[in-house]
C-alpha atoms as a PDB file:
ATOM      1  CA  UNK A   1     165.727  21.131 136.419  1.00  0.00           C
ATOM      2  CA  UNK A   2     164.542  23.579 138.673  1.00  0.00           C
ATOM      3  CA  UNK A   3     163.955  27.378 137.416  1.00  0.00           C
ATOM      4  CA  UNK A   4     166.894  29.516 137.072  1.00  0.00           C
ATOM      5  CA  UNK A   5     167.140  31.980 139.956  1.00  0.00           C
ATOM      6  CA  UNK A   6     168.002  35.684 139.410  1.00  0.00           C
ATOM      7  CA  UNK A   7     169.353  36.448 142.858  1.00  0.00           C
ATOM      8  CA  UNK A   8     172.996  38.346 143.318  1.00  0.00           C
ATOM      9  CA  UNK A   9     175.592  35.683 143.700  1.00  0.00           C
ATOM     10  CA  UNK A  10     176.634  36.048 147.651  1.00  0.00           C
ATOM     11  CA  UNK A  11     180.014  34.666 148.463  1.00  0.00           C
ATOM     12  CA  UNK A  12     181.188  34.264 152.030  1.00  0.00           C
ATOM     13  CA  UNK A  13     185.028  34.808 152.379  1.00  0.00           C
ATOM     14  CA  UNK A  14     186.835  33.774 155.657  1.00  0.00           C
ATOM     15  CA  UNK A  15     190.539  33.920 156.517  1.00  0.00           C
ATOM     16  CA  UNK A  16     191.496  31.541 159.218  1.00  0.00           C
ATOM     17  CA  UNK A  17     194.622  32.847 160.961  1.00  0.00           C
ATOM     18  CA  UNK A  18     195.639  33.593 164.892  1.00  0.00           C
ATOM     19  CA  UNK A  19     198.308  36.303 163.571  1.00  0.00           C
ATOM     20  CA  UNK A  20     196.415  38.106 160.946  1.00  0.00           C
ATOM     21  CA  UNK A  21     193.232  38.345 163.351  1.00  0.00           C
ATOM     22  CA  UNK A  22     195.293  39.819 165.876  1.00  0.00           C
ATOM     23  CA  UNK A  23     196.589  42.255 163.622  1.00  0.00           C
ATOM     24  CA  UNK A  24     200.407  40.963 163.463  1.00  0.00           C
ATOM     25  CA  UNK A  25     200.452  41.083 159.917  1.00  0.00           C
ATOM     26  CA  UNK A  26     197.888  41.773 157.265  1.00  0.00           C
ATOM     27  CA  UNK A  27     195.572  39.162 155.882  1.00  0.00           C
ATOM     28  CA  UNK A  28     196.500  38.242 152.394  1.00  0.00           C
ATOM     29  CA  UNK A  29     193.981  35.510 151.757  1.00  0.00           C
ATOM     30  CA  UNK A  30     190.629  37.725 151.466  1.00  0.00           C
ATOM     31  CA  UNK A  31     192.165  40.152 148.971  1.00  0.00           C
ATOM     32  CA  UNK A  32     193.465  37.524 147.062  1.00  0.00           C
ATOM     33  CA  UNK A  33     190.288  35.482 146.768  1.00  0.00           C
ATOM     34  CA  UNK A  34     188.272  39.025 146.086  1.00  0.00           C
ATOM     35  CA  UNK A  35     190.829  39.965 143.417  1.00  0.00           C
ATOM     36  CA  UNK A  36     190.511  36.489 141.598  1.00  0.00           C
ATOM     37  CA  UNK A  37     186.826  36.308 141.941  1.00  0.00           C
ATOM     38  CA  UNK A  38     186.270  39.945 140.140  1.00  0.00           C
ATOM     39  CA  UNK A  39     188.998  38.613 137.293  1.00  0.00           C
ATOM     40  CA  UNK A  40     186.762  35.232 137.034  1.00  0.00           C
ATOM     41  CA  UNK A  41     183.066  35.835 137.354  1.00  0.00           C
ATOM     42  CA  UNK A  42     180.993  37.041 134.550  1.00  0.00           C
ATOM     43  CA  UNK A  43     178.050  38.222 137.047  1.00  0.00           C
ATOM     44  CA  UNK A  44     178.262  40.903 139.506  1.00  0.00           C
ATOM     45  CA  UNK A  45     178.253  39.195 143.382  1.00  0.00           C
ATOM     46  CA  UNK A  46     178.410  40.405 146.946  1.00  0.00           C
ATOM     47  CA  UNK A  47     181.010  39.421 149.528  1.00  0.00           C
ATOM     48  CA  UNK A  48     180.781  39.248 153.138  1.00  0.00           C
ATOM     49  CA  UNK A  49     184.441  38.929 155.113  1.00  0.00           C
ATOM     50  CA  UNK A  50     185.562  37.365 157.939  1.00  0.00           C
ATOM     51  CA  UNK A  51     189.044  37.331 159.630  1.00  0.00           C
ATOM     52  CA  UNK A  52     189.198  34.997 162.524  1.00  0.00           C
ATOM     53  CA  UNK A  53     191.411  32.689 164.582  1.00  0.00           C
ATOM     54  CA  UNK A  54     192.304  29.246 164.247  1.00  0.00           C
ATOM     55  CA  UNK A  55     189.479  28.061 166.711  1.00  0.00           C
ATOM     56  CA  UNK A  56     187.341  25.402 165.864  1.00  0.00           C
ATOM     57  CA  UNK A  57     184.190  26.713 167.560  1.00  0.00           C
ATOM     58  CA  UNK A  58     184.818  30.317 166.245  1.00  0.00           C
ATOM     59  CA  UNK A  59     185.128  28.966 162.687  1.00  0.00           C
ATOM     60  CA  UNK A  60     182.050  26.838 163.051  1.00  0.00           C
ATOM     61  CA  UNK A  61     179.971  29.543 164.228  1.00  0.00           C
ATOM     62  CA  UNK A  62     181.373  31.633 161.598  1.00  0.00           C
ATOM     63  CA  UNK A  63     180.490  29.287 158.622  1.00  0.00           C
ATOM     64  CA  UNK A  64     176.905  28.730 160.376  1.00  0.00           C
ATOM     65  CA  UNK A  65     176.515  32.409 160.146  1.00  0.00           C
ATOM     66  CA  UNK A  66     177.342  32.582 156.840  1.00  0.00           C
ATOM     67  CA  UNK A  67     175.318  30.024 155.403  1.00  0.00           C
ATOM     68  CA  UNK A  68     172.133  30.317 157.846  1.00  0.00           C
ATOM     69  CA  UNK A  69     171.921  33.895 158.325  1.00  0.00           C
ATOM     70  CA  UNK A  70     173.785  35.797 155.789  1.00  0.00           C
ATOM     71  CA  UNK A  71     172.583  33.104 153.038  1.00  0.00           C
ATOM     72  CA  UNK A  72     175.876  32.930 151.281  1.00  0.00           C
ATOM     73  CA  UNK A  73     175.608  30.618 148.101  1.00  0.00           C
ATOM     74  CA  UNK A  74     179.180  29.859 148.233  1.00  0.00           C
ATOM     75  CA  UNK A  75     181.609  29.980 151.182  1.00  0.00           C
ATOM     76  CA  UNK A  76     185.506  30.175 150.612  1.00  0.00           C
ATOM     77  CA  UNK A  77     187.889  29.598 153.704  1.00  0.00           C
ATOM     78  CA  UNK A  78     191.619  30.338 153.546  1.00  0.00           C
ATOM     79  CA  UNK A  79     194.195  28.810 156.056  1.00  0.00           C
ATOM     80  CA  UNK A  80     194.046  26.175 158.859  1.00  0.00           C
ATOM     81  CA  UNK A  81     194.175  23.281 156.287  1.00  0.00           C
ATOM     82  CA  UNK A  82     197.504  21.624 157.138  1.00  0.00           C
ATOM     83  CA  UNK A  83     198.494  18.873 159.889  1.00  0.00           C
ATOM     84  CA  UNK A  84     199.562  21.022 162.727  1.00  0.00           C
ATOM     85  CA  UNK A  85     197.586  21.185 165.750  1.00  0.00           C
ATOM     86  CA  UNK A  86     196.137  24.783 165.368  1.00  0.00           C
ATOM     87  CA  UNK A  87     195.047  23.638 161.568  1.00  0.00           C
ATOM     88  CA  UNK A  88     191.277  23.223 162.152  1.00  0.00           C
ATOM     89  CA  UNK A  89     189.570  24.499 159.377  1.00  0.00           C
ATOM     90  CA  UNK A  90     188.581  21.136 157.834  1.00  0.00           C
ATOM     91  CA  UNK A  91     187.524  19.877 161.143  1.00  0.00           C
ATOM     92  CA  UNK A  92     185.073  23.013 161.712  1.00  0.00           C
ATOM     93  CA  UNK A  93     184.061  22.314 157.927  1.00  0.00           C
ATOM     94  CA  UNK A  94     182.894  18.814 158.569  1.00  0.00           C
ATOM     95  CA  UNK A  95     181.418  19.380 161.750  1.00  0.00           C
ATOM     96  CA  UNK A  96     178.626  21.804 160.233  1.00  0.00           C
ATOM     97  CA  UNK A  97     178.303  20.162 156.777  1.00  0.00           C
ATOM     98  CA  UNK A  98     175.181  18.269 155.941  1.00  0.00           C
ATOM     99  CA  UNK A  99     177.200  16.306 152.924  1.00  0.00           C
ATOM    100  CA  UNK A 100     180.955  16.005 152.087  1.00  0.00           C
ATOM    101  CA  UNK A 101     182.166  16.485 148.413  1.00  0.00           C
ATOM    102  CA  UNK A 102     185.028  14.550 148.552  1.00  0.00           C
ATOM    103  CA  UNK A 103     186.175  15.493 145.093  1.00  0.00           C
ATOM    104  CA  UNK A 104     186.796  19.054 145.761  1.00  0.00           C
ATOM    105  CA  UNK A 105     189.552  18.020 148.502  1.00  0.00           C
ATOM    106  CA  UNK A 106     191.086  15.225 145.884  1.00  0.00           C
ATOM    107  CA  UNK A 107     191.465  17.889 143.031  1.00  0.00           C
ATOM    108  CA  UNK A 108     192.822  20.662 145.135  1.00  0.00           C
ATOM    109  CA  UNK A 109     195.631  18.117 146.266  1.00  0.00           C
ATOM    110  CA  UNK A 110     196.260  17.153 142.667  1.00  0.00           C
ATOM    111  CA  UNK A 111     196.787  20.709 141.490  1.00  0.00           C
ATOM    112  CA  UNK A 112     198.833  21.379 144.388  1.00  0.00           C
ATOM    113  CA  UNK A 113     201.276  18.449 143.971  1.00  0.00           C
ATOM    114  CA  UNK A 114     202.295  19.579 140.528  1.00  0.00           C
ATOM    115  CA  UNK A 115     203.763  22.554 142.738  1.00  0.00           C
ATOM    116  CA  UNK A 116     205.054  20.926 146.041  1.00  0.00           C
ATOM    117  CA  UNK A 117     205.290  17.429 147.284  1.00  0.00           C
ATOM    118  CA  UNK A 118     203.794  18.691 150.802  1.00  0.00           C
ATOM    119  CA  UNK A 119     200.531  19.205 148.877  1.00  0.00           C
ATOM    120  CA  UNK A 120     199.680  15.535 150.276  1.00  0.00           C
ATOM    121  CA  UNK A 121     199.965  16.954 153.930  1.00  0.00           C
ATOM    122  CA  UNK A 122     196.718  19.189 153.168  1.00  0.00           C
ATOM    123  CA  UNK A 123     193.467  18.338 154.669  1.00  0.00           C
ATOM    124  CA  UNK A 124     191.201  20.932 152.518  1.00  0.00           C
ATOM    125  CA  UNK A 125     187.534  19.614 152.129  1.00  0.00           C
ATOM    126  CA  UNK A 126     184.501  20.604 150.273  1.00  0.00           C
ATOM    127  CA  UNK A 127     180.963  20.290 151.808  1.00  0.00           C
ATOM    128  CA  UNK A 128     177.549  21.571 151.507  1.00  0.00           C
ATOM    129  CA  UNK A 129     175.498  22.990 154.187  1.00  0.00           C
ATOM    130  CA  UNK A 130     171.768  23.390 153.236  1.00  0.00           C
ATOM    131  CA  UNK A 131     171.839  24.999 149.717  1.00  0.00           C
ATOM    132  CA  UNK A 132     175.469  26.331 150.206  1.00  0.00           C
ATOM    133  CA  UNK A 133     178.766  25.205 148.864  1.00  0.00           C
ATOM    134  CA  UNK A 134     181.762  25.445 151.685  1.00  0.00           C
ATOM    135  CA  UNK A 135     185.312  24.977 150.239  1.00  0.00           C
ATOM    136  CA  UNK A 136     188.609  25.093 152.356  1.00  0.00           C
ATOM    137  CA  UNK A 137     191.367  26.894 150.218  1.00  0.00           C
ATOM    138  CA  UNK A 138     195.237  26.992 150.906  1.00  0.00           C
ATOM    139  CA  UNK A 139     196.232  29.934 152.633  1.00  0.00           C
ATOM    140  CA  UNK A 140     199.292  31.774 150.446  1.00  0.00           C
ATOM    141  CA  UNK A 141     197.854  33.713 147.683  1.00  0.00           C
ATOM    142  CA  UNK A 142     199.838  31.935 145.043  1.00  0.00           C
ATOM    143  CA  UNK A 143     198.690  28.445 146.081  1.00  0.00           C
ATOM    144  CA  UNK A 144     194.698  30.244 145.917  1.00  0.00           C
ATOM    145  CA  UNK A 145     195.249  30.867 142.387  1.00  0.00           C
ATOM    146  CA  UNK A 146     196.546  27.758 141.212  1.00  0.00           C
ATOM    147  CA  UNK A 147     193.828  25.858 143.185  1.00  0.00           C
ATOM    148  CA  UNK A 148     190.989  27.799 141.803  1.00  0.00           C
ATOM    149  CA  UNK A 149     192.334  28.323 138.427  1.00  0.00           C
ATOM    150  CA  UNK A 150     194.467  24.872 137.825  1.00  0.00           C
ATOM    151  CA  UNK A 151     197.844  24.395 136.182  1.00  0.00           C
ATOM    152  CA  UNK A 152     198.426  25.862 132.962  1.00  0.00           C
ATOM    153  CA  UNK A 153     201.706  25.567 130.596  1.00  0.00           C
ATOM    154  CA  UNK A 154     203.494  28.338 129.204  1.00  0.00           C
ATOM    155  CA  UNK A 155     201.063  28.853 126.520  1.00  0.00           C
ATOM    156  CA  UNK A 156     198.071  29.146 128.792  1.00  0.00           C
ATOM    157  CA  UNK A 157     196.859  25.497 127.934  1.00  0.00           C
ATOM    158  CA  UNK A 158     195.171  23.907 130.972  1.00  0.00           C
ATOM    159  CA  UNK A 159     197.235  20.918 132.113  1.00  0.00           C
ATOM    160  CA  UNK A 160     195.185  19.976 135.247  1.00  0.00           C
ATOM    161  CA  UNK A 161     191.718  21.938 135.611  1.00  0.00           C
ATOM    162  CA  UNK A 162     191.290  24.036 138.830  1.00  0.00           C
ATOM    163  CA  UNK A 163     188.286  23.553 141.183  1.00  0.00           C
ATOM    164  CA  UNK A 164     186.370  26.625 140.151  1.00  0.00           C
ATOM    165  CA  UNK A 165     185.502  24.916 136.812  1.00  0.00           C
ATOM    166  CA  UNK A 166     183.021  22.785 138.653  1.00  0.00           C
ATOM    167  CA  UNK A 167     181.709  25.574 140.841  1.00  0.00           C
ATOM    168  CA  UNK A 168     179.057  27.016 138.802  1.00  0.00           C
ATOM    169  CA  UNK A 169     177.258  23.835 137.855  1.00  0.00           C
ATOM    170  CA  UNK A 170     177.134  22.988 141.581  1.00  0.00           C
ATOM    171  CA  UNK A 171     175.817  25.885 142.704  1.00  0.00           C
ATOM    172  CA  UNK A 172     173.165  25.375 140.093  1.00  0.00           C
ATOM    173  CA  UNK A 173     172.689  21.603 141.354  1.00  0.00           C
ATOM    174  CA  UNK A 174     172.206  22.818 144.846  1.00  0.00           C
ATOM    175  CA  UNK A 175     170.469  26.179 144.857  1.00  0.00           C
ATOM    176  CA  UNK A 176     169.202  26.728 141.561  1.00  0.00           C
ATOM    177  CA  UNK A 177     171.540  29.668 140.907  1.00  0.00           C
ATOM    178  CA  UNK A 178     173.340  30.258 137.224  1.00  0.00           C
ATOM    179  CA  UNK A 179     176.533  31.840 137.249  1.00  0.00           C
ATOM    180  CA  UNK A 180     179.173  31.636 134.766  1.00  0.00           C
ATOM    181  CA  UNK A 181     183.074  32.571 134.362  1.00  0.00           C
ATOM    182  CA  UNK A 182     185.347  34.003 131.882  1.00  0.00           C
ATOM    183  CA  UNK A 183     186.832  30.993 130.183  1.00  0.00           C
ATOM    184  CA  UNK A 184     190.426  33.097 129.604  1.00  0.00           C
ATOM    185  CA  UNK A 185     190.802  32.774 133.501  1.00  0.00           C
ATOM    186  CA  UNK A 186     188.749  29.455 134.142  1.00  0.00           C
ATOM    187  CA  UNK A 187     186.259  27.582 131.840  1.00  0.00           C
ATOM    188  CA  UNK A 188     183.256  26.388 133.826  1.00  0.00           C
ATOM    189  CA  UNK A 189     181.617  23.233 132.929  1.00  0.00           C
ATOM    190  CA  UNK A 190     178.002  21.760 132.680  1.00  0.00           C
ATOM    191  CA  UNK A 191     176.414  19.765 130.595  1.00  0.00           C
ATOM    192  CA  UNK A 192     174.649  20.698 127.371  1.00  0.00           C
ATOM    193  CA  UNK A 193     171.153  20.386 129.004  1.00  0.00           C
ATOM    194  CA  UNK A 194     171.730  22.510 131.970  1.00  0.00           C
ATOM    195  CA  UNK A 195     173.144  25.546 130.189  1.00  0.00           C
ATOM    196  CA  UNK A 196     171.247  28.688 129.447  1.00  0.00           C
ATOM    197  CA  UNK A 197     170.200  29.303 126.180  1.00  0.00           C
END
């Protein structure tokens, strides 16, 4: 296993919305993501924000900038993942990817299917570009939280794990960064051999 990095976690947050980027209404995706991350992460982190329209070249440029120039370890996008013609976030994400991580998209749809049957229309993907993980999340604040955190019963017991439980170990594997989460929000999983003593 590679040596543990002590670098500050850097997260790119990208909200993809024609109307929010034009100021027609306030963006809700980035504020929800920031709030959730502040609640869930143990370590401090830095955020780089981008609010952009549903234009594939613009999304591709933004993702490349956040990974290649801003050196974000993790990039979370919100919005533009459905079947409509303007929903091109997954297409842009796959276009800039080095490797696809299909389990993330599968689990996001599994979580969402507990709430809405139209979750099968989602095209969300997870990919690796260089040493960074890029994940497409839904556009609605409630769905963002559910996707990250998972499905819980009325007592707070986890019925279906959220995708963020796998993110810390994924980052550890691809770039050596060690981060952890607060178990009352989301319990991160890694093998015993990969845990910090």
